[in-house]
Amino acid sequence: ERGWRYLQADNAGTAQREFEAALKLQPSFHPAETGLGYVELAERDAKDAVERFDRALESEANYTPALVGRGQALLELGRDGEALASFEAAVKAHASLTALQSRIEVLRFRALQDNLARAKAASDAGRFAEARAAYLQATAASPDSAFLYRDLAIVERKAGEPAAALEHFRRALALDPTDARSLAQIGA
């Protein structure tokens, strides 16, 4: 408790000593390990913070403060996909964390954008299996997006899979009956 108070007062050094003292008394006390993770975050050491949060989560896999801290540290390291998973686990463990929901939505959107960029690059380079996999991930994340099914169908057609292409073009049309490109591709 004292460690958290010192950390909130921007006294990371004293907070660290308090958390370390708690761990000396009880080495498996995951709240103290989590506190040390937040000290590492305060000192801009995200890599060590992730290790601290991971150790805390070994003791209690759904410990919300460790999941949230781990997500923050992973974001600082540019590991957005892992951060998203950590934040989603935190919200699942503690549904009242509604403030995290907007961060989760932003991360999902960024992941979708990255996935689409990879899919397009793979398709343009003729790596159809890779493009197909990326589009399938995108459709799983956003199953109501007609353009994703249309783009997946185009990849299937280029890959010489007309039956799969036809199925995806039809799905695109079911989602967006005004999709003239899919209609033309079905005719072709």
Protein backbone atom coordinates (compact mmCIF):
# COMPACT_ATOMS: atom_id res chain seq x y z
CA GLU A 1 0.00 0.00 0.00
CA ARG A 2 2.84 2.40 0.82
CA GLY A 3 4.55 1.53 -2.45
CA TRP A 4 1.46 2.53 -4.42
CA ARG A 5 1.17 5.79 -2.51
CA TYR A 6 4.81 6.66 -3.24
CA LEU A 7 4.37 5.74 -6.89
CA GLN A 8 1.30 7.97 -7.18
CA ALA A 9 3.29 10.78 -5.57
CA ASP A 10 5.96 10.43 -8.31
CA ASN A 11 8.52 8.99 -5.92
CA ALA A 12 9.53 5.92 -7.95
CA GLY A 13 12.69 5.20 -5.95
CA THR A 14 10.92 4.93 -2.61
CA ALA A 15 8.04 3.03 -4.22
CA GLN A 16 10.57 0.55 -5.60
CA ARG A 17 12.10 0.01 -2.15
CA GLU A 18 8.63 -0.57 -0.66
CA PHE A 19 7.66 -3.12 -3.32
CA GLU A 20 11.01 -4.90 -3.02
CA ALA A 21 10.58 -5.07 0.77
CA ALA A 22 7.15 -6.63 0.29
CA LEU A 23 8.62 -9.21 -2.09
CA LYS A 24 11.36 -10.04 0.42
CA LEU A 25 8.70 -10.86 2.99
CA GLN A 26 6.59 -12.83 0.52
CA PRO A 27 8.32 -13.62 -2.83
CA SER A 28 5.08 -14.73 -4.51
CA PHE A 29 3.19 -11.52 -3.69
CA HIS A 30 2.13 -10.57 -7.22
CA PRO A 31 0.75 -7.10 -6.34
CA ALA A 32 4.29 -6.07 -5.33
CA GLU A 33 5.69 -7.52 -8.57
CA THR A 34 3.04 -5.54 -10.44
CA GLY A 35 4.00 -2.42 -8.52
CA LEU A 36 7.61 -2.90 -9.62
CA GLY A 37 6.33 -3.17 -13.19
CA TYR A 38 4.68 0.22 -12.82
CA VAL A 39 7.92 1.61 -11.35
CA GLU A 40 9.72 0.36 -14.49
CA LEU A 41 7.06 2.06 -16.62
CA ALA A 42 7.51 5.31 -14.68
CA GLU A 43 11.23 5.07 -15.35
CA ARG A 44 10.61 4.46 -19.08
CA ASP A 45 11.87 0.87 -19.03
CA ALA A 46 9.04 -0.91 -20.83
CA LYS A 47 11.05 -4.07 -21.54
CA ASP A 48 11.72 -4.75 -17.85
CA ALA A 49 8.16 -3.69 -17.02
CA VAL A 50 6.77 -6.42 -19.29
CA GLU A 51 8.95 -8.97 -17.51
CA ARG A 52 7.64 -7.80 -14.12
CA PHE A 53 4.02 -7.93 -15.27
CA ASP A 54 4.56 -11.38 -16.78
CA ARG A 55 5.94 -12.64 -13.45
CA ALA A 56 2.92 -11.23 -11.64
CA LEU A 57 0.59 -12.89 -14.16
CA GLU A 58 2.28 -16.24 -13.55
CA SER A 59 0.88 -16.07 -10.02
CA GLU A 60 -2.57 -14.85 -11.03
CA ALA A 61 -3.34 -14.92 -14.76
CA ASN A 62 -6.32 -12.54 -14.50
CA TYR A 63 -4.76 -9.94 -12.21
CA THR A 64 -6.19 -6.82 -13.80
CA PRO A 65 -3.55 -4.24 -12.75
CA ALA A 66 -0.83 -6.48 -14.23
CA LEU A 67 -2.79 -7.01 -17.45
CA VAL A 68 -3.34 -3.28 -17.90
CA GLY A 69 0.28 -2.43 -17.06
CA ARG A 70 1.53 -5.13 -19.41
CA GLY A 71 -0.63 -3.66 -22.17
CA GLN A 72 0.79 -0.18 -21.56
CA ALA A 73 4.37 -1.48 -21.60
CA LEU A 74 3.76 -3.48 -24.78
CA LEU A 75 2.36 -0.37 -26.47
CA GLU A 76 5.53 1.51 -25.60
CA LEU A 77 7.51 -1.31 -27.20
CA GLY A 78 5.40 -1.12 -30.38
CA ARG A 79 3.91 -4.57 -29.83
CA ASP A 80 0.33 -3.47 -30.48
CA GLY A 81 -1.14 -6.93 -31.10
CA GLU A 82 0.09 -8.24 -27.77
CA ALA A 83 -1.02 -5.03 -26.04
CA LEU A 84 -4.49 -5.47 -27.51
CA ALA A 85 -4.68 -9.03 -26.19
CA SER A 86 -3.58 -7.88 -22.73
CA PHE A 87 -6.15 -5.06 -22.62
CA GLU A 88 -8.91 -7.40 -23.84
CA ALA A 89 -8.00 -9.89 -21.11
CA ALA A 90 -8.15 -7.08 -18.53
CA VAL A 91 -11.63 -6.03 -19.66
CA LYS A 92 -12.75 -9.67 -19.68
CA ALA A 93 -11.45 -10.10 -16.13
CA HIS A 94 -12.92 -6.81 -14.91
CA ALA A 95 -15.84 -5.63 -17.07
CA SER A 96 -16.04 -2.25 -15.34
CA LEU A 97 -12.87 -1.06 -17.11
CA THR A 98 -14.87 0.81 -19.73
CA ALA A 99 -12.11 3.42 -20.16
CA LEU A 100 -9.96 0.75 -21.80
CA GLN A 101 -12.61 0.03 -24.43
CA SER A 102 -11.74 3.05 -26.60
CA ARG A 103 -8.06 2.10 -26.51
CA ILE A 104 -9.01 -1.44 -27.52
CA GLU A 105 -11.08 -0.15 -30.46
CA VAL A 106 -8.20 2.03 -31.68
CA LEU A 107 -5.81 -0.92 -31.50
CA ARG A 108 -8.27 -3.15 -33.36
CA PHE A 109 -8.63 -0.53 -36.08
CA ARG A 110 -4.85 -0.14 -36.42
CA ALA A 111 -4.46 -3.93 -36.59
CA LEU A 112 -7.07 -4.08 -39.35
CA GLN A 113 -5.29 -1.34 -41.31
CA ASP A 114 -1.93 -3.11 -40.95
CA ASN A 115 -3.50 -6.39 -41.97
CA LEU A 116 -5.05 -4.85 -45.09
CA ALA A 117 -1.75 -3.24 -46.07
CA ARG A 118 -0.01 -6.63 -45.75
CA ALA A 119 -2.76 -8.32 -47.73
CA LYS A 120 -2.56 -5.80 -50.57
CA ALA A 121 1.23 -5.96 -50.70
CA ALA A 122 1.15 -9.76 -50.73
CA SER A 123 -1.49 -9.80 -53.48
CA ASP A 124 0.45 -7.28 -55.58
CA ALA A 125 3.57 -9.46 -55.20
CA GLY A 126 1.70 -12.61 -56.24
CA ARG A 127 1.90 -14.20 -52.77
CA PHE A 128 -1.72 -15.28 -52.85
CA ALA A 129 -1.66 -17.68 -49.88
CA GLU A 130 -0.28 -14.90 -47.68
CA ALA A 131 -2.81 -12.40 -49.05
CA ARG A 132 -5.65 -14.89 -48.53
CA ALA A 133 -4.60 -15.47 -44.91
CA ALA A 134 -4.44 -11.72 -44.22
CA TYR A 135 -7.86 -11.11 -45.78
CA LEU A 136 -9.36 -14.01 -43.83
CA GLN A 137 -8.03 -12.42 -40.62
CA ALA A 138 -9.54 -9.11 -41.67
CA THR A 139 -12.94 -10.64 -42.43
CA ALA A 140 -12.89 -12.40 -39.07
CA ALA A 141 -12.27 -9.06 -37.37
CA SER A 142 -14.82 -7.20 -39.48
CA PRO A 143 -17.34 -9.73 -40.83
CA ASP A 144 -19.78 -7.10 -42.10
CA SER A 145 -17.38 -5.35 -44.50
CA ALA A 146 -18.37 -6.12 -48.07
CA PHE A 147 -15.18 -4.66 -49.55
CA LEU A 148 -13.07 -7.15 -47.57
CA TYR A 149 -14.93 -10.09 -49.10
CA ARG A 150 -14.64 -8.51 -52.54
CA ASP A 151 -10.89 -8.03 -52.15
CA LEU A 152 -10.53 -11.58 -50.83
CA ALA A 153 -12.49 -12.83 -53.85
CA ILE A 154 -10.16 -10.96 -56.20
CA VAL A 155 -7.20 -12.69 -54.55
CA GLU A 156 -8.96 -16.06 -54.88
CA ARG A 157 -9.60 -15.38 -58.57
CA LYS A 158 -5.97 -14.41 -59.19
CA ALA A 159 -4.88 -17.56 -57.34
CA GLY A 160 -6.96 -19.69 -59.71
CA GLU A 161 -9.72 -20.52 -57.22
CA PRO A 162 -12.90 -19.45 -59.05
CA ALA A 163 -15.31 -21.36 -56.77
CA ALA A 164 -13.89 -19.65 -53.66
CA ALA A 165 -13.87 -16.32 -55.49
CA LEU A 166 -17.50 -16.72 -56.46
CA GLU A 167 -18.46 -17.53 -52.86
CA HIS A 168 -16.72 -14.39 -51.55
CA PHE A 169 -18.14 -12.14 -54.29
CA ARG A 170 -21.62 -13.40 -53.37
CA ARG A 171 -20.95 -12.70 -49.70
CA ALA A 172 -19.85 -9.16 -50.61
CA LEU A 173 -23.07 -8.66 -52.59
CA ALA A 174 -25.18 -10.00 -49.72
CA LEU A 175 -23.60 -7.38 -47.46
CA ASP A 176 -23.78 -4.58 -50.03
CA PRO A 177 -26.31 -5.14 -52.83
CA THR A 178 -25.03 -1.98 -54.59
CA ASP A 179 -21.50 -3.39 -55.02
CA ALA A 180 -21.28 -3.19 -58.81
CA ARG A 181 -17.68 -4.46 -58.88
CA SER A 182 -18.66 -7.72 -57.18
CA LEU A 183 -21.65 -8.10 -59.48
CA ALA A 184 -19.45 -7.62 -62.55
CA GLN A 185 -16.89 -10.08 -61.19
CA ILE A 186 -19.61 -12.69 -60.61
CA GLY A 187 -20.66 -12.27 -64.24
CA ALA A 188 -17.07 -12.64 -65.39
